[in-house]
Protein backbone atom coordinates (compact mmCIF):
# COMPACT_ATOMS: atom_id res chain seq x y z
CA MET A 1 209.07 -71.70 -0.43
CA THR A 2 211.69 -71.94 1.70
CA GLU A 3 214.77 -73.79 0.53
CA THR A 4 214.15 -76.80 2.39
CA THR A 5 210.74 -77.69 1.47
CA THR A 6 208.60 -78.75 -1.51
CA ARG A 7 205.49 -77.38 0.16
CA PRO A 8 204.69 -73.78 1.29
CA ARG A 9 205.43 -73.49 5.25
CA LEU A 10 202.27 -71.78 5.93
CA VAL A 11 201.97 -69.73 9.82
CA LEU A 12 198.34 -69.86 10.80
CA VAL A 13 197.62 -67.11 13.32
CA PRO A 14 193.79 -67.96 15.27
CA GLY A 15 192.91 -64.47 15.18
CA ASP A 16 190.68 -62.56 17.88
CA LEU A 17 191.12 -65.02 20.96
CA SER A 18 187.68 -64.10 21.85
CA GLY A 19 185.76 -64.07 18.53
CA VAL A 20 185.16 -67.16 16.33
CA GLY A 21 188.71 -67.27 14.85
CA PRO A 22 190.24 -70.31 16.80
CA GLU A 23 186.86 -72.25 15.65
CA LEU A 24 188.05 -71.62 12.29
CA LEU A 25 191.35 -72.58 12.52
CA ALA A 26 190.33 -75.99 14.09
CA ARG A 27 188.06 -76.89 11.04
CA LEU A 28 190.45 -75.77 8.57
CA LEU A 29 193.15 -78.01 10.03
CA ALA A 30 190.53 -80.72 10.61
CA ASP A 31 189.98 -80.99 6.78
CA PRO A 32 192.58 -83.34 5.32
CA ASP A 33 192.86 -81.48 1.67
CA ASN A 34 193.99 -78.34 3.57
CA ARG A 35 196.62 -79.97 5.18
CA SER A 36 197.74 -81.75 2.16
CA ARG A 37 198.75 -78.04 0.74
CA ALA A 38 201.18 -77.00 3.18
CA ASP A 39 203.25 -77.42 5.99
CA VAL A 40 201.38 -75.85 8.84
CA LEU A 41 203.18 -73.94 11.71
CA VAL A 42 200.70 -72.48 14.74
CA THR A 43 200.87 -69.76 17.03
CA ALA A 44 199.17 -72.05 19.77
CA THR A 45 199.73 -74.66 21.83
CA PRO A 46 198.99 -77.76 21.50
CA ASP A 47 196.04 -77.56 24.33
CA GLU A 48 194.53 -74.53 22.96
CA LEU A 49 194.40 -76.38 19.76
CA GLN A 50 192.78 -79.04 21.08
CA ALA A 51 190.27 -76.78 22.97
CA PHE A 52 189.65 -74.69 19.64
CA ALA A 53 188.98 -78.08 18.34
CA ASP A 54 186.35 -79.12 21.00
CA THR A 55 184.63 -75.85 20.67
CA ALA A 56 184.28 -76.44 17.06
CA GLY A 57 183.44 -79.83 17.32
CA VAL A 58 186.28 -81.45 15.12
CA SER A 59 188.97 -83.99 15.74
CA ILE A 60 192.36 -82.95 13.78
CA PRO A 61 194.14 -85.33 12.24
CA ASP A 62 197.94 -86.10 12.42
CA ARG A 63 198.66 -83.25 14.71
CA ASP A 64 202.16 -84.61 15.02
CA ALA A 65 202.59 -82.90 11.64
CA ILE A 66 201.91 -79.47 13.14
CA GLU A 67 204.56 -77.17 14.08
CA PHE A 68 202.85 -75.43 17.48
CA LEU A 69 204.49 -71.98 17.95
CA GLY A 70 202.91 -71.08 21.06
CA THR A 71 202.40 -67.57 21.48
CA ALA A 72 204.35 -64.98 23.18
CA TYR A 73 201.49 -63.10 24.82
CA ASP A 74 201.55 -63.52 28.76
CA GLY A 75 198.51 -61.37 29.91
CA GLU A 76 195.36 -62.48 31.54
CA GLU A 77 193.24 -64.95 29.66
CA ILE A 78 191.14 -63.87 27.49
CA ALA A 79 187.10 -63.95 27.71
CA PRO A 80 185.20 -65.41 24.80
CA GLY A 81 182.72 -63.12 22.67
CA VAL A 82 184.29 -59.55 24.68
CA VAL A 83 186.53 -57.16 22.69
CA SER A 84 189.32 -56.57 25.06
CA THR A 85 192.76 -55.53 25.30
CA ALA A 86 193.75 -58.90 26.14
CA ALA A 87 192.70 -60.22 23.15
CA GLY A 88 194.40 -57.29 20.56
CA GLU A 89 197.40 -57.99 22.53
CA ARG A 90 197.29 -61.74 21.70
CA ALA A 91 196.06 -61.12 18.23
CA LEU A 92 199.51 -58.39 17.72
CA ALA A 93 201.77 -60.82 19.26
CA ASP A 94 201.11 -63.77 17.19
CA LEU A 95 200.62 -61.54 14.01
CA GLY A 96 204.20 -60.46 15.38
CA THR A 97 205.57 -63.95 15.21
CA ALA A 98 203.86 -64.78 12.04
CA LEU A 99 205.83 -61.60 10.10
CA ASP A 100 209.12 -62.06 12.02
CA LEU A 101 209.10 -66.13 10.60
CA TRP A 102 208.14 -64.62 7.08
CA SER A 103 211.12 -62.23 7.66
CA ALA A 104 213.47 -64.48 8.43
CA GLY A 105 212.31 -66.72 5.60
CA ARG A 106 210.86 -69.82 7.97
CA ALA A 107 207.91 -69.01 6.53
CA ASP A 108 206.26 -68.53 2.81
CA GLY A 109 203.35 -67.15 4.26
CA VAL A 110 200.52 -65.84 6.70
CA LEU A 111 197.41 -67.18 7.44
CA PHE A 112 195.35 -64.98 9.72
CA LEU A 113 191.79 -66.33 11.09
CA PRO A 114 189.05 -62.98 11.56
CA LEU A 115 190.95 -59.86 14.18
CA ASN A 116 189.10 -57.50 16.03
CA LYS A 117 190.45 -54.10 14.94
CA GLY A 118 189.11 -52.35 18.54
CA ALA A 119 190.76 -54.67 20.28
CA MET A 120 194.08 -54.32 18.36
CA GLY A 121 193.55 -50.34 19.10
CA ARG A 122 192.88 -50.98 22.86
CA ALA A 123 196.41 -52.90 22.36
CA GLY A 124 198.36 -50.15 20.62
CA MET A 125 197.71 -50.58 17.04
CA THR A 126 197.46 -47.16 15.90
CA GLU A 127 197.69 -48.06 11.68
CA GLU A 128 193.93 -48.04 10.32
CA ASP A 129 194.10 -51.86 10.21
CA GLU A 130 196.31 -54.42 10.20
CA LEU A 131 197.80 -54.55 6.79
CA ARG A 132 198.99 -50.95 7.44
CA TRP A 133 200.49 -52.45 10.78
CA PHE A 134 201.67 -55.36 8.68
CA ALA A 135 203.67 -53.16 6.29
CA LYS A 136 205.30 -51.28 9.72
CA ARG A 137 206.44 -53.82 10.94
CA ILE A 138 208.15 -55.29 8.36
CA GLY A 139 209.58 -51.76 6.88
CA PHE A 140 207.68 -51.76 3.51
CA THR A 141 206.80 -48.21 2.49
CA GLY A 142 205.02 -48.71 -1.01
CA PHE A 143 201.49 -48.44 -1.93
CA THR A 144 199.74 -51.36 0.38
CA SER A 145 196.30 -52.59 -1.07
CA GLU A 146 194.15 -55.76 0.36
CA LEU A 147 193.61 -58.26 -2.53
CA ASN A 148 190.64 -59.95 -3.16
CA PHE A 149 190.72 -63.71 -5.37
CA ILE A 150 187.50 -65.09 -6.11
CA SER A 151 187.50 -67.82 -8.96
CA SER A 152 188.82 -65.89 -12.01
CA LEU A 153 187.84 -62.28 -10.46
CA VAL A 154 190.77 -60.14 -8.53
CA THR A 155 189.98 -57.12 -6.84
CA ALA A 156 191.70 -54.46 -5.25
CA ARG A 157 190.56 -51.28 -3.11
CA VAL A 158 191.95 -47.60 -3.52
CA THR A 159 190.24 -47.27 0.62
CA SER A 160 189.53 -49.91 3.15
CA HIS A 161 188.62 -49.98 6.57
CA VAL A 162 187.94 -46.57 6.89
CA PRO A 163 184.51 -44.65 8.32
CA VAL A 164 182.63 -44.13 5.63
CA SER A 165 182.80 -39.88 6.09
CA GLN A 166 186.32 -40.81 5.13
CA ILE A 167 186.12 -42.33 2.11
CA ALA A 168 185.81 -39.57 -0.76
CA ALA A 169 189.19 -37.82 1.52
CA GLY A 170 190.50 -41.23 0.79
CA ILE A 171 190.03 -41.21 -3.07
CA ARG A 172 192.92 -39.44 -4.32
CA ALA A 173 194.33 -39.68 -8.46
CA GLY A 174 197.53 -40.76 -7.11
CA ARG A 175 195.90 -43.49 -4.62
CA VAL A 176 193.28 -45.11 -7.70
CA LEU A 177 196.36 -45.13 -10.26
CA GLU A 178 198.70 -47.10 -7.71
CA THR A 179 195.77 -49.41 -6.85
CA ILE A 180 195.51 -50.07 -10.86
CA GLU A 181 198.88 -50.53 -11.27
CA LEU A 182 198.99 -53.20 -8.76
CA LEU A 183 195.91 -55.13 -9.82
CA ASP A 184 197.43 -54.61 -13.33
CA ARG A 185 200.64 -56.43 -12.17
CA VAL A 186 199.02 -58.98 -10.04
CA VAL A 187 196.81 -59.98 -12.73
CA ARG A 188 199.33 -60.34 -15.45
CA GLU A 189 201.59 -62.50 -12.92
CA THR A 190 198.44 -65.19 -11.78
CA ARG A 191 195.79 -64.69 -14.51
CA THR A 192 195.97 -63.55 -17.52
CA PRO A 193 199.13 -61.57 -20.14
CA THR A 194 196.22 -59.51 -20.71
CA PRO A 195 193.80 -58.08 -17.91
CA ARG A 196 190.80 -56.23 -18.16
CA LEU A 197 190.09 -53.92 -15.62
CA ALA A 198 187.04 -52.26 -14.55
């Protein structure tokens, strides 16, 4: 949490605006239990959030408590259901804003809704996935892996978001060891001092 808050400050990014992300964002914010857990900043305007809620068929209570960041994207309108450069540019702009806030200590975390790697690739992302793009954006050069938390199970990946034909080449002893070490550390910090890894 930041020095000035008792609850975490989370930047919510609607993801790819041509997909389901905006609807999911509206449903997330419509639930008072979700809203009670964090202070929320959204990379959208109040009008956009209202449109997302209308599409999802929900109402969002206490919208005054949301900090609307807007977006740095100023390109063409994004058509729903179409993979486009514009949608990728908007997603990258919004993710960039969120990461900049985190880097500046003004947010504790970033929650992003579904992205489209094809659209982000059209918009200029050259990394294999958004996680590697995040690492590059914040200047992180260490081992990077996606973690998943499901009840008492935590998983990590040696490879991620690569074609099946490239999986075998990505499984190297050093990467396997780095994944094991990361998983061991995270489980010790969040679950139990004596993890059992498979």
